[in-house]
Amino acid sequence: MNRAEFSRFQQLTGEGDQTWLTEGTTATGDFYMVYFPIDTMIRAITIGGVVDPVTLVNPRTMAAGTTLYNVTSIRLQNAGTWAVCYTEPS
């Protein structure tokens, strides 16, 4: 990770917790934001309580730098993918 990427993560961090996802992992929670630092394929995602049916059949690629909000569940595709999920401070 270069200096610019590290600074971006520090800005996004805020006061809440982070969950770092890597290849093939699944996370559930009340994530106010999910950030994709590299091109990442997602296999399943639920946003605002609504399941995206497309990702259940065909993985969807999220471009590097994409940010999604109000995610409650996400599963990444295998091989070279990762994301950072942020929760509000308690």
PDB file of N, CA and C in Angstrom:
ATOM      1  N   MET A   1       0.845  -1.164   0.000  1.00  0.00           N
ATOM      2  CA  MET A   1       0.000   0.000   0.000  1.00  0.00           C
ATOM      3  C   MET A   1       0.898   1.238   0.000  1.00  0.00           C
ATOM      4  N   ASN A   2       0.655   2.140  -0.934  1.00  0.00           N
ATOM      5  CA  ASN A   2       1.484   3.339  -0.989  1.00  0.00           C
ATOM      6  C   ASN A   2       0.964   4.414  -0.026  1.00  0.00           C
ATOM      7  N   ARG A   3       1.695   5.488   0.085  1.00  0.00           N
ATOM      8  CA  ARG A   3       1.383   6.550   1.057  1.00  0.00           C
ATOM      9  C   ARG A   3       0.014   7.184   0.805  1.00  0.00           C
ATOM     10  N   ALA A   4      -0.321   7.417  -0.464  1.00  0.00           N
ATOM     11  CA  ALA A   4      -1.614   8.031  -0.798  1.00  0.00           C
ATOM     12  C   ALA A   4      -2.776   7.131  -0.381  1.00  0.00           C
ATOM     13  N   GLU A   5      -2.666   5.823  -0.648  1.00  0.00           N
ATOM     14  CA  GLU A   5      -3.719   4.891  -0.245  1.00  0.00           C
ATOM     15  C   GLU A   5      -3.863   4.855   1.269  1.00  0.00           C
ATOM     16  N   PHE A   6      -2.737   4.847   1.974  1.00  0.00           N
ATOM     17  CA  PHE A   6      -2.768   4.825   3.426  1.00  0.00           C
ATOM     18  C   PHE A   6      -3.464   6.076   3.971  1.00  0.00           C
ATOM     19  N   SER A   7      -3.178   7.229   3.406  1.00  0.00           N
ATOM     20  CA  SER A   7      -3.831   8.470   3.831  1.00  0.00           C
ATOM     21  C   SER A   7      -5.327   8.420   3.586  1.00  0.00           C
ATOM     22  N   ARG A   8      -5.725   7.859   2.452  1.00  0.00           N
ATOM     23  CA  ARG A   8      -7.169   7.717   2.129  1.00  0.00           C
ATOM     24  C   ARG A   8      -7.858   6.850   3.170  1.00  0.00           C
ATOM     25  N   PHE A   9      -7.239   5.741   3.563  1.00  0.00           N
ATOM     26  CA  PHE A   9      -7.825   4.875   4.584  1.00  0.00           C
ATOM     27  C   PHE A   9      -7.953   5.598   5.913  1.00  0.00           C
ATOM     28  N   GLN A  10      -6.956   6.381   6.270  1.00  0.00           N
ATOM     29  CA  GLN A  10      -7.029   7.133   7.524  1.00  0.00           C
ATOM     30  C   GLN A  10      -8.195   8.117   7.500  1.00  0.00           C
ATOM     31  N   GLN A  11      -8.426   8.759   6.385  1.00  0.00           N
ATOM     32  CA  GLN A  11      -9.537   9.702   6.265  1.00  0.00           C
ATOM     33  C   GLN A  11     -10.875   8.985   6.380  1.00  0.00           C
ATOM     34  N   LEU A  12     -10.983   7.801   5.815  1.00  0.00           N
ATOM     35  CA  LEU A  12     -12.234   7.051   5.844  1.00  0.00           C
ATOM     36  C   LEU A  12     -12.518   6.441   7.206  1.00  0.00           C
ATOM     37  N   THR A  13     -11.485   6.161   7.966  1.00  0.00           N
ATOM     38  CA  THR A  13     -11.627   5.409   9.200  1.00  0.00           C
ATOM     39  C   THR A  13     -12.573   6.046  10.196  1.00  0.00           C
ATOM     40  N   GLY A  14     -12.398   7.310  10.469  1.00  0.00           N
ATOM     41  CA  GLY A  14     -13.246   7.958  11.455  1.00  0.00           C
ATOM     42  C   GLY A  14     -13.119   7.288  12.813  1.00  0.00           C
ATOM     43  N   GLU A  15     -14.197   7.240  13.573  1.00  0.00           N
ATOM     44  CA  GLU A  15     -14.183   6.703  14.927  1.00  0.00           C
ATOM     45  C   GLU A  15     -14.725   5.283  15.017  1.00  0.00           C
ATOM     46  N   GLY A  16     -15.352   4.781  13.977  1.00  0.00           N
ATOM     47  CA  GLY A  16     -15.969   3.457  14.024  1.00  0.00           C
ATOM     48  C   GLY A  16     -14.982   2.328  13.778  1.00  0.00           C
ATOM     49  N   ASP A  17     -15.501   1.099  13.812  1.00  0.00           N
ATOM     50  CA  ASP A  17     -14.691  -0.088  13.564  1.00  0.00           C
ATOM     51  C   ASP A  17     -14.587  -0.371  12.073  1.00  0.00           C
ATOM     52  N   GLN A  18     -13.558  -1.134  11.723  1.00  0.00           N
ATOM     53  CA  GLN A  18     -13.351  -1.561  10.339  1.00  0.00           C
ATOM     54  C   GLN A  18     -13.354  -3.079  10.273  1.00  0.00           C
ATOM     55  N   THR A  19     -13.891  -3.613   9.198  1.00  0.00           N
ATOM     56  CA  THR A  19     -13.783  -5.030   8.897  1.00  0.00           C
ATOM     57  C   THR A  19     -13.125  -5.130   7.531  1.00  0.00           C
ATOM     58  N   TRP A  20     -11.962  -5.767   7.475  1.00  0.00           N
ATOM     59  CA  TRP A  20     -11.244  -5.925   6.211  1.00  0.00           C
ATOM     60  C   TRP A  20     -11.587  -7.289   5.636  1.00  0.00           C
ATOM     61  N   LEU A  21     -12.098  -7.292   4.413  1.00  0.00           N
ATOM     62  CA  LEU A  21     -12.463  -8.538   3.746  1.00  0.00           C
ATOM     63  C   LEU A  21     -11.435  -8.865   2.671  1.00  0.00           C
ATOM     64  N   THR A  22     -11.122 -10.141   2.567  1.00  0.00           N
ATOM     65  CA  THR A  22     -10.221 -10.598   1.510  1.00  0.00           C
ATOM     66  C   THR A  22     -10.913 -11.691   0.718  1.00  0.00           C
ATOM     67  N   GLU A  23     -10.197 -12.288  -0.171  1.00  0.00           N
ATOM     68  CA  GLU A  23     -10.701 -13.275  -1.125  1.00  0.00           C
ATOM     69  C   GLU A  23     -11.681 -14.280  -0.519  1.00  0.00           C
ATOM     70  N   GLY A  24     -12.883 -14.325  -1.085  1.00  0.00           N
ATOM     71  CA  GLY A  24     -13.856 -15.347  -0.739  1.00  0.00           C
ATOM     72  C   GLY A  24     -14.516 -15.208   0.622  1.00  0.00           C
ATOM     73  N   THR A  25     -14.331 -14.092   1.317  1.00  0.00           N
ATOM     74  CA  THR A  25     -14.916 -13.949   2.651  1.00  0.00           C
ATOM     75  C   THR A  25     -16.289 -13.291   2.598  1.00  0.00           C
ATOM     76  N   THR A  26     -17.040 -13.501   3.676  1.00  0.00           N
ATOM     77  CA  THR A  26     -18.373 -12.937   3.822  1.00  0.00           C
ATOM     78  C   THR A  26     -18.424 -12.141   5.118  1.00  0.00           C
ATOM     79  N   ALA A  27     -19.137 -11.039   5.111  1.00  0.00           N
ATOM     80  CA  ALA A  27     -19.333 -10.254   6.333  1.00  0.00           C
ATOM     81  C   ALA A  27     -20.774  -9.783   6.398  1.00  0.00           C
ATOM     82  N   THR A  28     -21.321  -9.791   7.588  1.00  0.00           N
ATOM     83  CA  THR A  28     -22.637  -9.216   7.823  1.00  0.00           C
ATOM     84  C   THR A  28     -22.519  -8.221   8.961  1.00  0.00           C
ATOM     85  N   GLY A  29     -23.320  -7.197   8.909  1.00  0.00           N
ATOM     86  CA  GLY A  29     -23.293  -6.167   9.936  1.00  0.00           C
ATOM     87  C   GLY A  29     -24.016  -4.938   9.435  1.00  0.00           C
ATOM     88  N   ASP A  30     -23.955  -3.898  10.210  1.00  0.00           N
ATOM     89  CA  ASP A  30     -24.578  -2.633   9.845  1.00  0.00           C
ATOM     90  C   ASP A  30     -23.466  -1.701   9.376  1.00  0.00           C
ATOM     91  N   PHE A  31     -23.013  -1.909   8.148  1.00  0.00           N
ATOM     92  CA  PHE A  31     -21.905  -1.127   7.604  1.00  0.00           C
ATOM     93  C   PHE A  31     -22.447   0.131   6.941  1.00  0.00           C
ATOM     94  N   TYR A  32     -22.043   1.288   7.449  1.00  0.00           N
ATOM     95  CA  TYR A  32     -22.523   2.522   6.817  1.00  0.00           C
ATOM     96  C   TYR A  32     -21.794   2.765   5.513  1.00  0.00           C
ATOM     97  N   MET A  33     -20.613   2.123   5.341  1.00  0.00           N
ATOM     98  CA  MET A  33     -19.839   2.340   4.129  1.00  0.00           C
ATOM     99  C   MET A  33     -18.950   1.126   3.853  1.00  0.00           C
ATOM    100  N   VAL A  34     -18.849   0.759   2.579  1.00  0.00           N
ATOM    101  CA  VAL A  34     -17.907  -0.271   2.131  1.00  0.00           C
ATOM    102  C   VAL A  34     -17.084   0.349   1.013  1.00  0.00           C
ATOM    103  N   TYR A  35     -15.774   0.286   1.172  1.00  0.00           N
ATOM    104  CA  TYR A  35     -14.849   0.892   0.215  1.00  0.00           C
ATOM    105  C   TYR A  35     -14.035  -0.194  -0.467  1.00  0.00           C
ATOM    106  N   PHE A  36     -13.887  -0.086  -1.786  1.00  0.00           N
ATOM    107  CA  PHE A  36     -13.121  -1.040  -2.585  1.00  0.00           C
ATOM    108  C   PHE A  36     -11.847  -0.356  -3.088  1.00  0.00           C
ATOM    109  N   PRO A  37     -10.692  -0.628  -2.476  1.00  0.00           N
ATOM    110  CA  PRO A  37      -9.456   0.041  -2.887  1.00  0.00           C
ATOM    111  C   PRO A  37      -8.877  -0.482  -4.200  1.00  0.00           C
ATOM    112  N   ILE A  38      -9.270  -1.680  -4.599  1.00  0.00           N
ATOM    113  CA  ILE A  38      -8.840  -2.247  -5.884  1.00  0.00           C
ATOM    114  C   ILE A  38     -10.072  -2.798  -6.586  1.00  0.00           C
ATOM    115  N   ASP A  39      -9.975  -3.062  -7.893  1.00  0.00           N
ATOM    116  CA  ASP A  39     -11.083  -3.704  -8.600  1.00  0.00           C
ATOM    117  C   ASP A  39     -11.422  -5.008  -7.877  1.00  0.00           C
ATOM    118  N   THR A  40     -12.678  -5.173  -7.509  1.00  0.00           N
ATOM    119  CA  THR A  40     -13.089  -6.300  -6.670  1.00  0.00           C
ATOM    120  C   THR A  40     -14.378  -6.911  -7.196  1.00  0.00           C
ATOM    121  N   MET A  41     -14.397  -8.226  -7.296  1.00  0.00           N
ATOM    122  CA  MET A  41     -15.606  -8.927  -7.711  1.00  0.00           C
ATOM    123  C   MET A  41     -16.386  -9.347  -6.472  1.00  0.00           C
ATOM    124  N   ILE A  42     -17.676  -8.969  -6.451  1.00  0.00           N
ATOM    125  CA  ILE A  42     -18.530  -9.387  -5.346  1.00  0.00           C
ATOM    126  C   ILE A  42     -19.469 -10.482  -5.816  1.00  0.00           C
ATOM    127  N   ARG A  43     -19.718 -11.431  -4.941  1.00  0.00           N
ATOM    128  CA  ARG A  43     -20.540 -12.592  -5.266  1.00  0.00           C
ATOM    129  C   ARG A  43     -21.961 -12.432  -4.748  1.00  0.00           C
ATOM    130  N   ALA A  44     -22.142 -11.670  -3.673  1.00  0.00           N
ATOM    131  CA  ALA A  44     -23.466 -11.401  -3.119  1.00  0.00           C
ATOM    132  C   ALA A  44     -23.391 -10.118  -2.300  1.00  0.00           C
ATOM    133  N   ILE A  45     -24.482  -9.345  -2.333  1.00  0.00           N
ATOM    134  CA  ILE A  45     -24.518  -8.113  -1.547  1.00  0.00           C
ATOM    135  C   ILE A  45     -25.954  -7.764  -1.202  1.00  0.00           C
ATOM    136  N   THR A  46     -26.136  -7.242   0.001  1.00  0.00           N
ATOM    137  CA  THR A  46     -27.432  -6.734   0.443  1.00  0.00           C
ATOM    138  C   THR A  46     -27.231  -5.286   0.863  1.00  0.00           C
ATOM    139  N   ILE A  47     -28.005  -4.384   0.250  1.00  0.00           N
ATOM    140  CA  ILE A  47     -27.911  -2.958   0.547  1.00  0.00           C
ATOM    141  C   ILE A  47     -29.283  -2.471   0.983  1.00  0.00           C
ATOM    142  N   GLY A  48     -29.335  -1.881   2.167  1.00  0.00           N
ATOM    143  CA  GLY A  48     -30.608  -1.379   2.678  1.00  0.00           C
ATOM    144  C   GLY A  48     -31.674  -2.456   2.782  1.00  0.00           C
ATOM    145  N   GLY A  49     -31.259  -3.683   3.063  1.00  0.00           N
ATOM    146  CA  GLY A  49     -32.195  -4.789   3.212  1.00  0.00           C
ATOM    147  C   GLY A  49     -32.630  -5.437   1.906  1.00  0.00           C
ATOM    148  N   VAL A  50     -32.106  -4.976   0.784  1.00  0.00           N
ATOM    149  CA  VAL A  50     -32.480  -5.518  -0.528  1.00  0.00           C
ATOM    150  C   VAL A  50     -31.302  -6.299  -1.111  1.00  0.00           C
ATOM    151  N   VAL A  51     -31.547  -7.568  -1.447  1.00  0.00           N
ATOM    152  CA  VAL A  51     -30.518  -8.410  -2.045  1.00  0.00           C
ATOM    153  C   VAL A  51     -30.398  -8.079  -3.528  1.00  0.00           C
ATOM    154  N   ASP A  52     -29.176  -7.919  -4.013  1.00  0.00           N
ATOM    155  CA  ASP A  52     -28.937  -7.696  -5.438  1.00  0.00           C
ATOM    156  C   ASP A  52     -28.976  -9.051  -6.134  1.00  0.00           C
ATOM    157  N   PRO A  53     -30.039  -9.359  -6.884  1.00  0.00           N
ATOM    158  CA  PRO A  53     -30.170 -10.687  -7.490  1.00  0.00           C
ATOM    159  C   PRO A  53     -29.140 -10.973  -8.579  1.00  0.00           C
ATOM    160  N   VAL A  54     -28.597  -9.946  -9.215  1.00  0.00           N
ATOM    161  CA  VAL A  54     -27.624 -10.146 -10.293  1.00  0.00           C
ATOM    162  C   VAL A  54     -26.362 -10.812  -9.765  1.00  0.00           C
ATOM    163  N   THR A  55     -25.890 -10.381  -8.588  1.00  0.00           N
ATOM    164  CA  THR A  55     -24.637 -10.926  -8.061  1.00  0.00           C
ATOM    165  C   THR A  55     -24.767 -12.389  -7.666  1.00  0.00           C
ATOM    166  N   LEU A  56     -25.993 -12.866  -7.431  1.00  0.00           N
ATOM    167  CA  LEU A  56     -26.175 -14.270  -7.078  1.00  0.00           C
ATOM    168  C   LEU A  56     -25.932 -15.184  -8.269  1.00  0.00           C
ATOM    169  N   VAL A  57     -26.127 -14.666  -9.475  1.00  0.00           N
ATOM    170  CA  VAL A  57     -25.927 -15.454 -10.697  1.00  0.00           C
ATOM    171  C   VAL A  57     -24.565 -15.158 -11.323  1.00  0.00           C
ATOM    172  N   ASN A  58     -24.247 -13.887 -11.462  1.00  0.00           N
ATOM    173  CA  ASN A  58     -22.984 -13.454 -12.071  1.00  0.00           C
ATOM    174  C   ASN A  58     -22.288 -12.473 -11.132  1.00  0.00           C
ATOM    175  N   PRO A  59     -21.044 -12.745 -10.783  1.00  0.00           N
ATOM    176  CA  PRO A  59     -20.325 -11.789  -9.930  1.00  0.00           C
ATOM    177  C   PRO A  59     -20.280 -10.409 -10.580  1.00  0.00           C
ATOM    178  N   ARG A  60     -20.325  -9.395  -9.761  1.00  0.00           N
ATOM    179  CA  ARG A  60     -20.292  -8.003 -10.232  1.00  0.00           C
ATOM    180  C   ARG A  60     -18.948  -7.394  -9.839  1.00  0.00           C
ATOM    181  N   THR A  61     -18.319  -6.695 -10.785  1.00  0.00           N
ATOM    182  CA  THR A  61     -17.040  -6.049 -10.496  1.00  0.00           C
ATOM    183  C   THR A  61     -17.269  -4.626 -10.033  1.00  0.00           C
ATOM    184  N   MET A  62     -16.681  -4.314  -8.879  1.00  0.00           N
ATOM    185  CA  MET A  62     -16.711  -2.954  -8.355  1.00  0.00           C
ATOM    186  C   MET A  62     -15.360  -2.330  -8.683  1.00  0.00           C
ATOM    187  N   ALA A  63     -15.367  -1.195  -9.332  1.00  0.00           N
ATOM    188  CA  ALA A  63     -14.126  -0.526  -9.731  1.00  0.00           C
ATOM    189  C   ALA A  63     -13.377  -0.001  -8.505  1.00  0.00           C
ATOM    190  N   ALA A  64     -12.073   0.039  -8.619  1.00  0.00           N
ATOM    191  CA  ALA A  64     -11.242   0.600  -7.542  1.00  0.00           C
ATOM    192  C   ALA A  64     -11.722   2.006  -7.219  1.00  0.00           C
ATOM    193  N   GLY A  65     -11.843   2.292  -5.926  1.00  0.00           N
ATOM    194  CA  GLY A  65     -12.301   3.597  -5.484  1.00  0.00           C
ATOM    195  C   GLY A  65     -13.801   3.700  -5.257  1.00  0.00           C
ATOM    196  N   THR A  66     -14.545   2.655  -5.605  1.00  0.00           N
ATOM    197  CA  THR A  66     -15.997   2.662  -5.403  1.00  0.00           C
ATOM    198  C   THR A  66     -16.334   2.600  -3.919  1.00  0.00           C
ATOM    199  N   THR A  67     -17.356   3.344  -3.520  1.00  0.00           N
ATOM    200  CA  THR A  67     -17.851   3.323  -2.150  1.00  0.00           C
ATOM    201  C   THR A  67     -19.349   3.048  -2.190  1.00  0.00           C
ATOM    202  N   LEU A  68     -19.799   2.078  -1.403  1.00  0.00           N
ATOM    203  CA  LEU A  68     -21.222   1.767  -1.271  1.00  0.00           C
ATOM    204  C   LEU A  68     -21.656   2.089   0.152  1.00  0.00           C
ATOM    205  N   TYR A  69     -22.933   2.419   0.329  1.00  0.00           N
ATOM    206  CA  TYR A  69     -23.448   2.790   1.635  1.00  0.00           C
ATOM    207  C   TYR A  69     -24.597   1.880   2.060  1.00  0.00           C
ATOM    208  N   ASN A  70     -24.808   1.779   3.372  1.00  0.00           N
ATOM    209  CA  ASN A  70     -25.909   1.012   3.971  1.00  0.00           C
ATOM    210  C   ASN A  70     -25.881  -0.467   3.600  1.00  0.00           C
ATOM    211  N   VAL A  71     -24.702  -1.056   3.597  1.00  0.00           N
ATOM    212  CA  VAL A  71     -24.535  -2.475   3.274  1.00  0.00           C
ATOM    213  C   VAL A  71     -24.729  -3.303   4.541  1.00  0.00           C
ATOM    214  N   THR A  72     -25.533  -4.365   4.435  1.00  0.00           N
ATOM    215  CA  THR A  72     -25.747  -5.237   5.596  1.00  0.00           C
ATOM    216  C   THR A  72     -25.134  -6.618   5.410  1.00  0.00           C
ATOM    217  N   SER A  73     -24.780  -6.960   4.184  1.00  0.00           N
ATOM    218  CA  SER A  73     -24.140  -8.248   3.930  1.00  0.00           C
ATOM    219  C   SER A  73     -23.380  -8.169   2.615  1.00  0.00           C
ATOM    220  N   ILE A  74     -22.188  -8.781   2.603  1.00  0.00           N
ATOM    221  CA  ILE A  74     -21.387  -8.786   1.382  1.00  0.00           C
ATOM    222  C   ILE A  74     -20.522 -10.039   1.360  1.00  0.00           C
ATOM    223  N   ARG A  75     -20.405 -10.636   0.190  1.00  0.00           N
ATOM    224  CA  ARG A  75     -19.510 -11.783   0.004  1.00  0.00           C
ATOM    225  C   ARG A  75     -18.657 -11.510  -1.228  1.00  0.00           C
ATOM    226  N   LEU A  76     -17.350 -11.634  -1.057  1.00  0.00           N
ATOM    227  CA  LEU A  76     -16.427 -11.388  -2.154  1.00  0.00           C
ATOM    228  C   LEU A  76     -16.149 -12.661  -2.940  1.00  0.00           C
ATOM    229  N   GLN A  77     -15.838 -12.478  -4.207  1.00  0.00           N
ATOM    230  CA  GLN A  77     -15.408 -13.568  -5.075  1.00  0.00           C
ATOM    231  C   GLN A  77     -13.989 -13.962  -4.675  1.00  0.00           C
ATOM    232  N   ASN A  78     -13.573 -15.122  -5.068  1.00  0.00           N
ATOM    233  CA  ASN A  78     -12.206 -15.577  -4.793  1.00  0.00           C
ATOM    234  C   ASN A  78     -11.200 -14.842  -5.664  1.00  0.00           C
ATOM    235  N   ALA A  79      -9.949 -14.925  -5.276  1.00  0.00           N
ATOM    236  CA  ALA A  79      -8.783 -14.493  -6.056  1.00  0.00           C
ATOM    237  C   ALA A  79      -8.654 -12.985  -6.237  1.00  0.00           C
ATOM    238  N   GLY A  80      -7.781 -12.397  -5.454  1.00  0.00           N
ATOM    239  CA  GLY A  80      -7.367 -11.018  -5.642  1.00  0.00           C
ATOM    240  C   GLY A  80      -8.412  -9.957  -5.387  1.00  0.00           C
ATOM    241  N   THR A  81      -9.287 -10.150  -4.422  1.00  0.00           N
ATOM    242  CA  THR A  81     -10.306  -9.157  -4.112  1.00  0.00           C
ATOM    243  C   THR A  81     -10.218  -8.757  -2.648  1.00  0.00           C
ATOM    244  N   TRP A  82     -10.564  -7.510  -2.351  1.00  0.00           N
ATOM    245  CA  TRP A  82     -10.696  -7.102  -0.966  1.00  0.00           C
ATOM    246  C   TRP A  82     -11.475  -5.806  -0.840  1.00  0.00           C
ATOM    247  N   ALA A  83     -12.005  -5.596   0.369  1.00  0.00           N
ATOM    248  CA  ALA A  83     -12.828  -4.422   0.655  1.00  0.00           C
ATOM    249  C   ALA A  83     -12.679  -4.070   2.127  1.00  0.00           C
ATOM    250  N   VAL A  84     -13.022  -2.830   2.460  1.00  0.00           N
ATOM    251  CA  VAL A  84     -13.001  -2.375   3.843  1.00  0.00           C
ATOM    252  C   VAL A  84     -14.414  -1.931   4.204  1.00  0.00           C
ATOM    253  N   CYS A  85     -14.979  -2.541   5.264  1.00  0.00           N
ATOM    254  CA  CYS A  85     -16.331  -2.223   5.726  1.00  0.00           C
ATOM    255  C   CYS A  85     -16.228  -1.393   7.000  1.00  0.00           C
ATOM    256  N   TYR A  86     -16.961  -0.303   7.067  1.00  0.00           N
ATOM    257  CA  TYR A  86     -16.907   0.620   8.207  1.00  0.00           C
ATOM    258  C   TYR A  86     -18.237   0.638   8.960  1.00  0.00           C
ATOM    259  N   THR A  87     -18.164   0.639  10.290  1.00  0.00           N
ATOM    260  CA  THR A  87     -19.359   0.775  11.123  1.00  0.00           C
ATOM    261  C   THR A  87     -19.298   2.099  11.882  1.00  0.00           C
ATOM    262  N   GLU A  88     -20.456   2.604  12.247  1.00  0.00           N
ATOM    263  CA  GLU A  88     -20.532   3.841  13.029  1.00  0.00           C
ATOM    264  C   GLU A  88     -19.965   3.594  14.416  1.00  0.00           C
ATOM    265  N   PRO A  89     -19.397   4.606  15.032  1.00  0.00           N
ATOM    266  CA  PRO A  89     -18.917   4.441  16.409  1.00  0.00           C
ATOM    267  C   PRO A  89     -20.087   4.210  17.360  1.00  0.00           C
ATOM    268  N   SER A  90     -19.841   3.415  18.394  1.00  0.00           N
ATOM    269  CA  SER A  90     -20.935   3.158  19.345  1.00  0.00           C
ATOM    270  C   SER A  90     -20.911   4.128  20.494  1.00  0.00           C
TER     271      SER A  90
END
